[in-house]
Full PDB file with SEQRES, HELIX, SHEET, SSBOND, CRYST1, ORIGX, SCALE, CONECT and MASTER records, all heavy atoms in Angstrom:
SEQRES   1 A   38  LYS SER GLY CYS ARG THR GLN GLN ILE VAL GLU ALA GLN          
SEQRES   2 A   38  ARG ILE LEU LEU LEU HIS ARG ARG ALA ASP THR PRO VAL          
SEQRES   3 A   38  ALA ILE VAL LYS SER GLY TYR ARG ARG ARG GLN PHE              
HELIX    1 AA1 GLN A    8  LEU A   17  1                                  10    
CRYST1    1.000    1.000    1.000  90.00  90.00  90.00 P 1           1          
ORIGX1      1.000000  0.000000  0.000000        0.00000                         
ORIGX2      0.000000  1.000000  0.000000        0.00000                         
ORIGX3      0.000000  0.000000  1.000000        0.00000                         
SCALE1      1.000000  0.000000  0.000000        0.00000                         
SCALE2      0.000000  1.000000  0.000000        0.00000                         
SCALE3      0.000000  0.000000  1.000000        0.00000                         
ATOM      1  N   LYS A   1      54.111 -10.701 -41.630  1.00  0.00           N  
ATOM      2  CA  LYS A   1      52.736 -10.195 -41.604  1.00  0.00           C  
ATOM      3  C   LYS A   1      52.119 -10.522 -40.253  1.00  0.00           C  
ATOM      4  O   LYS A   1      52.399 -11.557 -39.650  1.00  0.00           O  
ATOM      5  CB  LYS A   1      51.921 -10.848 -42.732  1.00  0.00           C  
ATOM      6  CG  LYS A   1      50.534 -10.285 -42.959  1.00  0.00           C  
ATOM      7  CD  LYS A   1      49.901 -10.980 -44.172  1.00  0.00           C  
ATOM      8  CE  LYS A   1      48.516 -10.459 -44.469  1.00  0.00           C  
ATOM      9  NZ  LYS A   1      47.919 -11.143 -45.645  1.00  0.00           N  
ATOM     10  N   SER A   2      51.298  -9.607 -39.765  1.00  0.00           N  
ATOM     11  CA  SER A   2      50.553  -9.852 -38.521  1.00  0.00           C  
ATOM     12  C   SER A   2      49.133  -9.334 -38.698  1.00  0.00           C  
ATOM     13  O   SER A   2      48.788  -8.786 -39.752  1.00  0.00           O  
ATOM     14  CB  SER A   2      51.232  -9.149 -37.337  1.00  0.00           C  
ATOM     15  OG  SER A   2      51.092  -7.747 -37.443  1.00  0.00           O  
ATOM     16  N   GLY A   3      48.344  -9.462 -37.653  1.00  0.00           N  
ATOM     17  CA  GLY A   3      46.968  -8.974 -37.739  1.00  0.00           C  
ATOM     18  C   GLY A   3      46.899  -7.482 -37.974  1.00  0.00           C  
ATOM     19  O   GLY A   3      45.977  -6.987 -38.630  1.00  0.00           O  
ATOM     20  N   CYS A   4      47.878  -6.745 -37.440  1.00  0.00           N  
ATOM     21  CA  CYS A   4      47.884  -5.286 -37.593  1.00  0.00           C  
ATOM     22  C   CYS A   4      48.730  -4.830 -38.776  1.00  0.00           C  
ATOM     23  O   CYS A   4      48.537  -3.725 -39.283  1.00  0.00           O  
ATOM     24  CB  CYS A   4      48.413  -4.630 -36.313  1.00  0.00           C  
ATOM     25  SG  CYS A   4      47.394  -4.942 -34.855  1.00  0.00           S  
ATOM     26  N   ARG A   5      49.686  -5.650 -39.181  1.00  0.00           N  
ATOM     27  CA  ARG A   5      50.595  -5.275 -40.270  1.00  0.00           C  
ATOM     28  C   ARG A   5      50.320  -6.166 -41.478  1.00  0.00           C  
ATOM     29  O   ARG A   5      50.832  -7.269 -41.579  1.00  0.00           O  
ATOM     30  CB  ARG A   5      52.056  -5.442 -39.836  1.00  0.00           C  
ATOM     31  CG  ARG A   5      52.528  -4.499 -38.755  1.00  0.00           C  
ATOM     32  CD  ARG A   5      54.021  -4.685 -38.489  1.00  0.00           C  
ATOM     33  NE  ARG A   5      54.326  -6.021 -37.999  1.00  0.00           N  
ATOM     34  CZ  ARG A   5      54.825  -6.999 -38.726  1.00  0.00           C  
ATOM     35  NH1 ARG A   5      55.050  -6.815 -40.022  1.00  0.00           N  
ATOM     36  NH2 ARG A   5      55.081  -8.186 -38.207  1.00  0.00           N  
ATOM     37  N   THR A   6      49.490  -5.687 -42.356  1.00  0.00           N  
ATOM     38  CA  THR A   6      49.087  -6.505 -43.504  1.00  0.00           C  
ATOM     39  C   THR A   6      49.661  -6.018 -44.833  1.00  0.00           C  
ATOM     40  O   THR A   6      49.698  -6.778 -45.799  1.00  0.00           O  
ATOM     41  CB  THR A   6      47.554  -6.530 -43.622  1.00  0.00           C  
ATOM     42  OG1 THR A   6      47.081  -5.184 -43.783  1.00  0.00           O  
ATOM     43  CG2 THR A   6      46.930  -7.136 -42.363  1.00  0.00           C  
ATOM     44  N   GLN A   7      50.114  -4.762 -44.893  1.00  0.00           N  
ATOM     45  CA  GLN A   7      50.541  -4.192 -46.171  1.00  0.00           C  
ATOM     46  C   GLN A   7      52.045  -4.260 -46.392  1.00  0.00           C  
ATOM     47  O   GLN A   7      52.520  -4.087 -47.518  1.00  0.00           O  
ATOM     48  CB  GLN A   7      50.075  -2.735 -46.273  1.00  0.00           C  
ATOM     49  CG  GLN A   7      48.569  -2.603 -46.412  1.00  0.00           C  
ATOM     50  CD  GLN A   7      48.034  -3.412 -47.594  1.00  0.00           C  
ATOM     51  OE1 GLN A   7      48.430  -3.197 -48.736  1.00  0.00           O  
ATOM     52  NE2 GLN A   7      47.123  -4.326 -47.316  1.00  0.00           N  
ATOM     53  N   GLN A   8      52.813  -4.519 -45.327  1.00  0.00           N  
ATOM     54  CA  GLN A   8      54.268  -4.558 -45.491  1.00  0.00           C  
ATOM     55  C   GLN A   8      54.703  -5.650 -46.464  1.00  0.00           C  
ATOM     56  O   GLN A   8      55.606  -5.456 -47.274  1.00  0.00           O  
ATOM     57  CB  GLN A   8      54.948  -4.761 -44.128  1.00  0.00           C  
ATOM     58  CG  GLN A   8      55.020  -3.511 -43.274  1.00  0.00           C  
ATOM     59  CD  GLN A   8      53.751  -3.254 -42.482  1.00  0.00           C  
ATOM     60  OE1 GLN A   8      52.706  -3.845 -42.758  1.00  0.00           O  
ATOM     61  NE2 GLN A   8      53.821  -2.378 -41.507  1.00  0.00           N  
ATOM     62  N   ILE A   9      54.062  -6.815 -46.411  1.00  0.00           N  
ATOM     63  CA  ILE A   9      54.443  -7.899 -47.313  1.00  0.00           C  
ATOM     64  C   ILE A   9      54.092  -7.544 -48.757  1.00  0.00           C  
ATOM     65  O   ILE A   9      54.818  -7.906 -49.699  1.00  0.00           O  
ATOM     66  CB  ILE A   9      53.757  -9.234 -46.891  1.00  0.00           C  
ATOM     67  CG1 ILE A   9      54.300 -10.405 -47.714  1.00  0.00           C  
ATOM     68  CG2 ILE A   9      52.256  -9.149 -47.013  1.00  0.00           C  
ATOM     69  CD1 ILE A   9      55.729 -10.747 -47.439  1.00  0.00           C  
ATOM     70  N   VAL A  10      53.017  -6.792 -48.948  1.00  0.00           N  
ATOM     71  CA  VAL A  10      52.619  -6.355 -50.294  1.00  0.00           C  
ATOM     72  C   VAL A  10      53.637  -5.358 -50.835  1.00  0.00           C  
ATOM     73  O   VAL A  10      54.046  -5.424 -51.997  1.00  0.00           O  
ATOM     74  CB  VAL A  10      51.213  -5.735 -50.262  1.00  0.00           C  
ATOM     75  CG1 VAL A  10      50.832  -5.201 -51.643  1.00  0.00           C  
ATOM     76  CG2 VAL A  10      50.185  -6.749 -49.775  1.00  0.00           C  
ATOM     77  N   GLU A  11      54.069  -4.435 -49.972  1.00  0.00           N  
ATOM     78  CA  GLU A  11      55.051  -3.446 -50.399  1.00  0.00           C  
ATOM     79  C   GLU A  11      56.404  -4.104 -50.651  1.00  0.00           C  
ATOM     80  O   GLU A  11      57.118  -3.748 -51.594  1.00  0.00           O  
ATOM     81  CB  GLU A  11      55.180  -2.351 -49.340  1.00  0.00           C  
ATOM     82  CG  GLU A  11      56.143  -1.223 -49.682  1.00  0.00           C  
ATOM     83  CD  GLU A  11      55.735  -0.414 -50.909  1.00  0.00           C  
ATOM     84  OE1 GLU A  11      54.599  -0.603 -51.411  1.00  0.00           O  
ATOM     85  OE2 GLU A  11      56.566   0.391 -51.384  1.00  0.00           O  
ATOM     86  N   ALA A  12      56.765  -5.089 -49.828  1.00  0.00           N  
ATOM     87  CA  ALA A  12      58.012  -5.827 -50.048  1.00  0.00           C  
ATOM     88  C   ALA A  12      57.974  -6.535 -51.397  1.00  0.00           C  
ATOM     89  O   ALA A  12      58.962  -6.529 -52.150  1.00  0.00           O  
ATOM     90  CB  ALA A  12      58.226  -6.830 -48.919  1.00  0.00           C  
ATOM     91  N   GLN A  13      56.846  -7.129 -51.721  1.00  0.00           N  
ATOM     92  CA  GLN A  13      56.686  -7.789 -53.015  1.00  0.00           C  
ATOM     93  C   GLN A  13      56.866  -6.785 -54.158  1.00  0.00           C  
ATOM     94  O   GLN A  13      57.567  -7.068 -55.139  1.00  0.00           O  
ATOM     95  CB  GLN A  13      55.299  -8.426 -53.096  1.00  0.00           C  
ATOM     96  CG  GLN A  13      54.991  -9.086 -54.425  1.00  0.00           C  
ATOM     97  CD  GLN A  13      53.519  -9.453 -54.533  1.00  0.00           C  
ATOM     98  OE1 GLN A  13      52.631  -8.672 -54.175  1.00  0.00           O  
ATOM     99  NE2 GLN A  13      53.250 -10.660 -54.997  1.00  0.00           N  
ATOM    100  N   ARG A  14      56.274  -5.608 -54.025  1.00  0.00           N  
ATOM    101  CA  ARG A  14      56.376  -4.591 -55.077  1.00  0.00           C  
ATOM    102  C   ARG A  14      57.838  -4.183 -55.300  1.00  0.00           C  
ATOM    103  O   ARG A  14      58.305  -4.100 -56.453  1.00  0.00           O  
ATOM    104  CB  ARG A  14      55.559  -3.354 -54.692  1.00  0.00           C  
ATOM    105  CG  ARG A  14      55.538  -2.274 -55.781  1.00  0.00           C  
ATOM    106  CD  ARG A  14      54.979  -0.972 -55.266  1.00  0.00           C  
ATOM    107  NE  ARG A  14      55.871  -0.330 -54.314  1.00  0.00           N  
ATOM    108  CZ  ARG A  14      56.955   0.361 -54.653  1.00  0.00           C  
ATOM    109  NH1 ARG A  14      57.290   0.500 -55.937  1.00  0.00           N  
ATOM    110  NH2 ARG A  14      57.708   0.924 -53.728  1.00  0.00           N  
ATOM    111  N   ILE A  15      58.574  -3.960 -54.204  1.00  0.00           N  
ATOM    112  CA  ILE A  15      59.976  -3.552 -54.318  1.00  0.00           C  
ATOM    113  C   ILE A  15      60.811  -4.647 -54.975  1.00  0.00           C  
ATOM    114  O   ILE A  15      61.623  -4.392 -55.870  1.00  0.00           O  
ATOM    115  CB  ILE A  15      60.537  -3.191 -52.934  1.00  0.00           C  
ATOM    116  CG1 ILE A  15      59.845  -1.921 -52.398  1.00  0.00           C  
ATOM    117  CG2 ILE A  15      62.050  -2.988 -52.991  1.00  0.00           C  
ATOM    118  CD1 ILE A  15      60.164  -1.616 -50.942  1.00  0.00           C  
ATOM    119  N   LEU A  16      60.603  -5.885 -54.550  1.00  0.00           N  
ATOM    120  CA  LEU A  16      61.374  -6.993 -55.099  1.00  0.00           C  
ATOM    121  C   LEU A  16      61.072  -7.211 -56.585  1.00  0.00           C  
ATOM    122  O   LEU A  16      61.964  -7.540 -57.371  1.00  0.00           O  
ATOM    123  CB  LEU A  16      61.099  -8.261 -54.302  1.00  0.00           C  
ATOM    124  CG  LEU A  16      61.691  -8.276 -52.880  1.00  0.00           C  
ATOM    125  CD1 LEU A  16      61.000  -9.313 -52.018  1.00  0.00           C  
ATOM    126  CD2 LEU A  16      63.186  -8.540 -52.933  1.00  0.00           C  
ATOM    127  N   LEU A  17      59.812  -7.007 -56.969  1.00  0.00           N  
ATOM    128  CA  LEU A  17      59.439  -7.209 -58.374  1.00  0.00           C  
ATOM    129  C   LEU A  17      60.056  -6.161 -59.302  1.00  0.00           C  
ATOM    130  O   LEU A  17      60.090  -6.353 -60.516  1.00  0.00           O  
ATOM    131  CB  LEU A  17      57.913  -7.198 -58.524  1.00  0.00           C  
ATOM    132  CG  LEU A  17      57.208  -8.507 -58.169  1.00  0.00           C  
ATOM    133  CD1 LEU A  17      55.699  -8.319 -58.118  1.00  0.00           C  
ATOM    134  CD2 LEU A  17      57.578  -9.615 -59.155  1.00  0.00           C  
ATOM    135  N   LEU A  18      60.550  -5.067 -58.735  1.00  0.00           N  
ATOM    136  CA  LEU A  18      61.250  -4.082 -59.563  1.00  0.00           C  
ATOM    137  C   LEU A  18      62.560  -4.640 -60.103  1.00  0.00           C  
ATOM    138  O   LEU A  18      63.086  -4.162 -61.112  1.00  0.00           O  
ATOM    139  CB  LEU A  18      61.533  -2.812 -58.746  1.00  0.00           C  
ATOM    140  CG  LEU A  18      60.321  -1.999 -58.286  1.00  0.00           C  
ATOM    141  CD1 LEU A  18      60.764  -0.860 -57.373  1.00  0.00           C  
ATOM    142  CD2 LEU A  18      59.551  -1.451 -59.484  1.00  0.00           C  
ATOM    143  N   HIS A  19      63.088  -5.680 -59.417  1.00  0.00           N  
ATOM    144  CA  HIS A  19      64.404  -6.206 -59.784  1.00  0.00           C  
ATOM    145  C   HIS A  19      64.413  -7.714 -60.004  1.00  0.00           C  
ATOM    146  O   HIS A  19      65.443  -8.270 -60.398  1.00  0.00           O  
ATOM    147  CB  HIS A  19      65.419  -5.865 -58.689  1.00  0.00           C  
ATOM    148  CG  HIS A  19      65.492  -4.405 -58.368  1.00  0.00           C  
ATOM    149  ND1 HIS A  19      66.174  -3.506 -59.150  1.00  0.00           N  
ATOM    150  CD2 HIS A  19      64.942  -3.679 -57.365  1.00  0.00           C  
ATOM    151  CE1 HIS A  19      66.058  -2.304 -58.642  1.00  0.00           C  
ATOM    152  NE2 HIS A  19      65.323  -2.375 -57.560  1.00  0.00           N  
ATOM    153  N   ARG A  20      63.309  -8.399 -59.740  1.00  0.00           N  
ATOM    154  CA  ARG A  20      63.257  -9.860 -59.885  1.00  0.00           C  
ATOM    155  C   ARG A  20      62.147 -10.252 -60.861  1.00  0.00           C  
ATOM    156  O   ARG A  20      61.132  -9.562 -60.981  1.00  0.00           O  
ATOM    157  CB  ARG A  20      62.955 -10.534 -58.532  1.00  0.00           C  
ATOM    158  CG  ARG A  20      63.928 -10.204 -57.416  1.00  0.00           C  
ATOM    159  CD  ARG A  20      65.191 -11.051 -57.504  1.00  0.00           C  
ATOM    160  NE  ARG A  20      66.223 -10.542 -56.609  1.00  0.00           N  
ATOM    161  CZ  ARG A  20      66.459 -10.998 -55.393  1.00  0.00           C  
ATOM    162  NH1 ARG A  20      65.731 -11.998 -54.911  1.00  0.00           N  
ATOM    163  NH2 ARG A  20      67.423 -10.488 -54.662  1.00  0.00           N  
ATOM    164  N   ARG A  21      62.337 -11.385 -61.514  1.00  0.00           N  
ATOM    165  CA  ARG A  21      61.299 -11.903 -62.396  1.00  0.00           C  
ATOM    166  C   ARG A  21      60.062 -12.279 -61.584  1.00  0.00           C  
ATOM    167  O   ARG A  21      60.145 -12.676 -60.417  1.00  0.00           O  
ATOM    168  CB  ARG A  21      61.790 -13.138 -63.145  1.00  0.00           C  
ATOM    169  CG  ARG A  21      62.993 -12.949 -64.029  1.00  0.00           C  
ATOM    170  CD  ARG A  21      63.198 -14.198 -64.896  1.00  0.00           C  
ATOM    171  NE  ARG A  21      63.014 -15.413 -64.136  1.00  0.00           N  
ATOM    172  CZ  ARG A  21      63.984 -16.046 -63.479  1.00  0.00           C  
ATOM    173  NH1 ARG A  21      65.216 -15.542 -63.477  1.00  0.00           N  
ATOM    174  NH2 ARG A  21      63.744 -17.175 -62.825  1.00  0.00           N  
ATOM    175  N   ALA A  22      58.926 -12.192 -62.219  1.00  0.00           N  
ATOM    176  CA  ALA A  22      57.666 -12.544 -61.544  1.00  0.00           C  
ATOM    177  C   ALA A  22      57.639 -14.010 -61.142  1.00  0.00           C  
ATOM    178  O   ALA A  22      57.002 -14.383 -60.155  1.00  0.00           O  
ATOM    179  CB  ALA A  22      56.485 -12.217 -62.452  1.00  0.00           C  
ATOM    180  N   ASP A  23      58.353 -14.878 -61.904  1.00  0.00           N  
ATOM    181  CA  ASP A  23      58.326 -16.310 -61.606  1.00  0.00           C  
ATOM    182  C   ASP A  23      59.455 -16.741 -60.661  1.00  0.00           C  
ATOM    183  O   ASP A  23      59.733 -17.934 -60.515  1.00  0.00           O  
ATOM    184  CB  ASP A  23      58.380 -17.136 -62.888  1.00  0.00           C  
ATOM    185  CG  ASP A  23      59.667 -16.914 -63.682  1.00  0.00           C  
ATOM    186  OD1 ASP A  23      60.439 -15.999 -63.324  1.00  0.00           O  
ATOM    187  OD2 ASP A  23      59.894 -17.658 -64.658  1.00  0.00           O  
ATOM    188  N   THR A  24      60.096 -15.785 -60.005  1.00  0.00           N  
ATOM    189  CA  THR A  24      61.135 -16.113 -59.021  1.00  0.00           C  
ATOM    190  C   THR A  24      60.552 -17.034 -57.948  1.00  0.00           C  
ATOM    191  O   THR A  24      59.514 -16.732 -57.362  1.00  0.00           O  
ATOM    192  CB  THR A  24      61.670 -14.833 -58.356  1.00  0.00           C  
ATOM    193  OG1 THR A  24      62.265 -13.999 -59.345  1.00  0.00           O  
ATOM    194  CG2 THR A  24      62.700 -15.167 -57.278  1.00  0.00           C  
ATOM    195  N   PRO A  25      61.198 -18.162 -57.647  1.00  0.00           N  
ATOM    196  CA  PRO A  25      60.650 -19.096 -56.657  1.00  0.00           C  
ATOM    197  C   PRO A  25      60.599 -18.492 -55.255  1.00  0.00           C  
ATOM    198  O   PRO A  25      61.503 -17.771 -54.832  1.00  0.00           O  
ATOM    199  CB  PRO A  25      61.636 -20.265 -56.694  1.00  0.00           C  
ATOM    200  CG  PRO A  25      62.309 -20.166 -58.024  1.00  0.00           C  
ATOM    201  CD  PRO A  25      62.400 -18.702 -58.313  1.00  0.00           C  
ATOM    202  N   VAL A  26      59.529 -18.812 -54.542  1.00  0.00           N  
ATOM    203  CA  VAL A  26      59.331 -18.370 -53.158  1.00  0.00           C  
ATOM    204  C   VAL A  26      58.822 -19.554 -52.341  1.00  0.00           C  
ATOM    205  O   VAL A  26      57.935 -20.294 -52.792  1.00  0.00           O  
ATOM    206  CB  VAL A  26      58.322 -17.204 -53.067  1.00  0.00           C  
ATOM    207  CG1 VAL A  26      58.001 -16.881 -51.608  1.00  0.00           C  
ATOM    208  CG2 VAL A  26      58.865 -15.968 -53.781  1.00  0.00           C  
ATOM    209  N   ALA A  27      59.387 -19.731 -51.154  1.00  0.00           N  
ATOM    210  CA  ALA A  27      58.890 -20.745 -50.219  1.00  0.00           C  
ATOM    211  C   ALA A  27      58.415 -20.040 -48.954  1.00  0.00           C  
ATOM    212  O   ALA A  27      59.106 -19.165 -48.427  1.00  0.00           O  
ATOM    213  CB  ALA A  27      59.980 -21.750 -49.880  1.00  0.00           C  
ATOM    214  N   ILE A  28      57.240 -20.423 -48.477  1.00  0.00           N  
ATOM    215  CA  ILE A  28      56.684 -19.865 -47.245  1.00  0.00           C  
ATOM    216  C   ILE A  28      56.521 -21.020 -46.266  1.00  0.00           C  
ATOM    217  O   ILE A  28      55.769 -21.962 -46.530  1.00  0.00           O  
ATOM    218  CB  ILE A  28      55.330 -19.179 -47.505  1.00  0.00           C  
ATOM    219  CG1 ILE A  28      55.491 -18.070 -48.554  1.00  0.00           C  
ATOM    220  CG2 ILE A  28      54.751 -18.623 -46.204  1.00  0.00           C  
ATOM    221  CD1 ILE A  28      54.181 -17.545 -49.098  1.00  0.00           C  
ATOM    222  N   VAL A  29      57.255 -20.945 -45.171  1.00  0.00           N  
ATOM    223  CA  VAL A  29      57.255 -22.035 -44.196  1.00  0.00           C  
ATOM    224  C   VAL A  29      56.668 -21.538 -42.882  1.00  0.00           C  
ATOM    225  O   VAL A  29      57.167 -20.589 -42.293  1.00  0.00           O  
ATOM    226  CB  VAL A  29      58.674 -22.588 -43.964  1.00  0.00           C  
ATOM    227  CG1 VAL A  29      58.637 -23.755 -42.985  1.00  0.00           C  
ATOM    228  CG2 VAL A  29      59.307 -23.004 -45.289  1.00  0.00           C  
ATOM    229  N   LYS A  30      55.616 -22.196 -42.445  1.00  0.00           N  
ATOM    230  CA  LYS A  30      54.984 -21.857 -41.158  1.00  0.00           C  
ATOM    231  C   LYS A  30      55.323 -22.938 -40.134  1.00  0.00           C  
ATOM    232  O   LYS A  30      55.216 -24.130 -40.421  1.00  0.00           O  
ATOM    233  CB  LYS A  30      53.466 -21.763 -41.332  1.00  0.00           C  
ATOM    234  CG  LYS A  30      52.707 -21.479 -40.038  1.00  0.00           C  
ATOM    235  CD  LYS A  30      51.212 -21.425 -40.290  1.00  0.00           C  
ATOM    236  CE  LYS A  30      50.434 -21.172 -39.006  1.00  0.00           C  
ATOM    237  NZ  LYS A  30      48.973 -21.155 -39.239  1.00  0.00           N  
ATOM    238  N   SER A  31      55.794 -22.499 -38.965  1.00  0.00           N  
ATOM    239  CA  SER A  31      56.055 -23.417 -37.841  1.00  0.00           C  
ATOM    240  C   SER A  31      56.941 -24.589 -38.257  1.00  0.00           C  
ATOM    241  O   SER A  31      56.594 -25.749 -38.030  1.00  0.00           O  
ATOM    242  CB  SER A  31      54.736 -23.921 -37.255  1.00  0.00           C  
ATOM    243  OG  SER A  31      53.942 -22.848 -36.796  1.00  0.00           O  
ATOM    244  N   GLY A  32      58.082 -24.267 -38.863  1.00  0.00           N  
ATOM    245  CA  GLY A  32      58.983 -25.315 -39.320  1.00  0.00           C  
ATOM    246  C   GLY A  32      59.406 -26.266 -38.216  1.00  0.00           C  
ATOM    247  O   GLY A  32      59.804 -25.849 -37.141  1.00  0.00           O  
ATOM    248  N   TYR A  33      59.278 -27.554 -38.476  1.00  0.00           N  
ATOM    249  CA  TYR A  33      59.626 -28.634 -37.552  1.00  0.00           C  
ATOM    250  C   TYR A  33      58.748 -28.645 -36.294  1.00  0.00           C  
ATOM    251  O   TYR A  33      59.122 -29.263 -35.303  1.00  0.00           O  
ATOM    252  CB  TYR A  33      61.114 -28.562 -37.150  1.00  0.00           C  
ATOM    253  CG  TYR A  33      62.053 -28.917 -38.257  1.00  0.00           C  
ATOM    254  CD1 TYR A  33      62.779 -27.926 -38.906  1.00  0.00           C  
ATOM    255  CD2 TYR A  33      62.214 -30.232 -38.675  1.00  0.00           C  
ATOM    256  CE1 TYR A  33      63.660 -28.230 -39.942  1.00  0.00           C  
ATOM    257  CE2 TYR A  33      63.094 -30.550 -39.706  1.00  0.00           C  
ATOM    258  CZ  TYR A  33      63.803 -29.549 -40.334  1.00  0.00           C  
ATOM    259  OH  TYR A  33      64.665 -29.856 -41.358  1.00  0.00           O  
ATOM    260  N   ARG A  34      57.610 -27.994 -36.368  1.00  0.00           N  
ATOM    261  CA  ARG A  34      56.702 -28.014 -35.224  1.00  0.00           C  
ATOM    262  C   ARG A  34      55.393 -28.687 -35.625  1.00  0.00           C  
ATOM    263  O   ARG A  34      55.183 -29.057 -36.774  1.00  0.00           O  
ATOM    264  CB  ARG A  34      56.453 -26.588 -34.703  1.00  0.00           C  
ATOM    265  CG  ARG A  34      57.723 -25.919 -34.190  1.00  0.00           C  
ATOM    266  CD  ARG A  34      57.465 -24.531 -33.670  1.00  0.00           C  
ATOM    267  NE  ARG A  34      58.724 -23.848 -33.358  1.00  0.00           N  
ATOM    268  CZ  ARG A  34      58.806 -22.561 -33.023  1.00  0.00           C  
ATOM    269  NH1 ARG A  34      57.703 -21.822 -32.948  1.00  0.00           N  
ATOM    270  NH2 ARG A  34      59.971 -22.018 -32.755  1.00  0.00           N  
ATOM    271  N   ARG A  35      54.508 -28.809 -34.665  1.00  0.00           N  
ATOM    272  CA  ARG A  35      53.309 -29.635 -34.852  1.00  0.00           C  
ATOM    273  C   ARG A  35      52.447 -29.168 -36.016  1.00  0.00           C  
ATOM    274  O   ARG A  35      51.864 -29.980 -36.730  1.00  0.00           O  
ATOM    275  CB  ARG A  35      52.495 -29.628 -33.545  1.00  0.00           C  
ATOM    276  CG  ARG A  35      51.285 -30.549 -33.556  1.00  0.00           C  
ATOM    277  CD  ARG A  35      50.790 -30.764 -32.144  1.00  0.00           C  
ATOM    278  NE  ARG A  35      50.506 -29.513 -31.469  1.00  0.00           N  
ATOM    279  CZ  ARG A  35      49.315 -28.897 -31.518  1.00  0.00           C  
ATOM    280  NH1 ARG A  35      48.325 -29.426 -32.232  1.00  0.00           N  
ATOM    281  NH2 ARG A  35      49.110 -27.782 -30.870  1.00  0.00           N  
ATOM    282  N   ARG A  36      52.344 -27.891 -36.228  1.00  0.00           N  
ATOM    283  CA  ARG A  36      51.460 -27.371 -37.278  1.00  0.00           C  
ATOM    284  C   ARG A  36      52.257 -26.859 -38.483  1.00  0.00           C  
ATOM    285  O   ARG A  36      51.874 -25.892 -39.136  1.00  0.00           O  
ATOM    286  CB  ARG A  36      50.584 -26.261 -36.718  1.00  0.00           C  
ATOM    287  CG  ARG A  36      49.627 -26.774 -35.650  1.00  0.00           C  
ATOM    288  CD  ARG A  36      48.732 -25.681 -35.121  1.00  0.00           C  
ATOM    289  NE  ARG A  36      47.807 -26.197 -34.106  1.00  0.00           N  
ATOM    290  CZ  ARG A  36      46.942 -25.453 -33.425  1.00  0.00           C  
ATOM    291  NH1 ARG A  36      46.880 -24.140 -33.649  1.00  0.00           N  
ATOM    292  NH2 ARG A  36      46.150 -25.992 -32.516  1.00  0.00           N  
ATOM    293  N   GLN A  37      53.331 -27.518 -38.777  1.00  0.00           N  
ATOM    294  CA  GLN A  37      54.154 -27.146 -39.922  1.00  0.00           C  
ATOM    295  C   GLN A  37      53.328 -27.114 -41.203  1.00  0.00           C  
ATOM    296  O   GLN A  37      52.541 -28.010 -41.482  1.00  0.00           O  
ATOM    297  CB  GLN A  37      55.301 -28.147 -40.065  1.00  0.00           C  
ATOM    298  CG  GLN A  37      56.168 -27.924 -41.307  1.00  0.00           C  
ATOM    299  CD  GLN A  37      57.269 -28.950 -41.406  1.00  0.00           C  
ATOM    300  OE1 GLN A  37      58.122 -29.030 -40.528  1.00  0.00           O  
ATOM    301  NE2 GLN A  37      57.253 -29.753 -42.478  1.00  0.00           N  
ATOM    302  N   PHE A  38      53.553 -26.047 -42.000  1.00  0.00           N  
ATOM    303  CA  PHE A  38      52.819 -25.893 -43.259  1.00  0.00           C  
ATOM    304  C   PHE A  38      53.740 -25.186 -44.252  1.00  0.00           C  
ATOM    305  O   PHE A  38      54.290 -24.126 -43.952  1.00  0.00           O  
ATOM    306  CB  PHE A  38      51.541 -25.084 -43.038  1.00  0.00           C  
ATOM    307  CG  PHE A  38      50.725 -24.858 -44.279  1.00  0.00           C  
ATOM    308  CD1 PHE A  38      50.339 -25.921 -45.087  1.00  0.00           C  
ATOM    309  CD2 PHE A  38      50.338 -23.571 -44.652  1.00  0.00           C  
ATOM    310  CE1 PHE A  38      49.576 -25.715 -46.227  1.00  0.00           C  
ATOM    311  CE2 PHE A  38      49.576 -23.352 -45.789  1.00  0.00           C  
ATOM    312  CZ  PHE A  38      49.188 -24.435 -46.578  1.00  0.00           C  
TER     313      PHE A  38                                                      
MASTER        0    0    0    1    0    0    0    6  312    1    0    3          
END                                                                             
């Protein structure tokens, strides 16, 4: 996702939910091993 591309992640979620359970685990890692890791 970026400032200009906001809907691609929503569409990716929709496609994946056609074949995966809603409770499928997801991890979102920002700036891994860097100062602002989240």
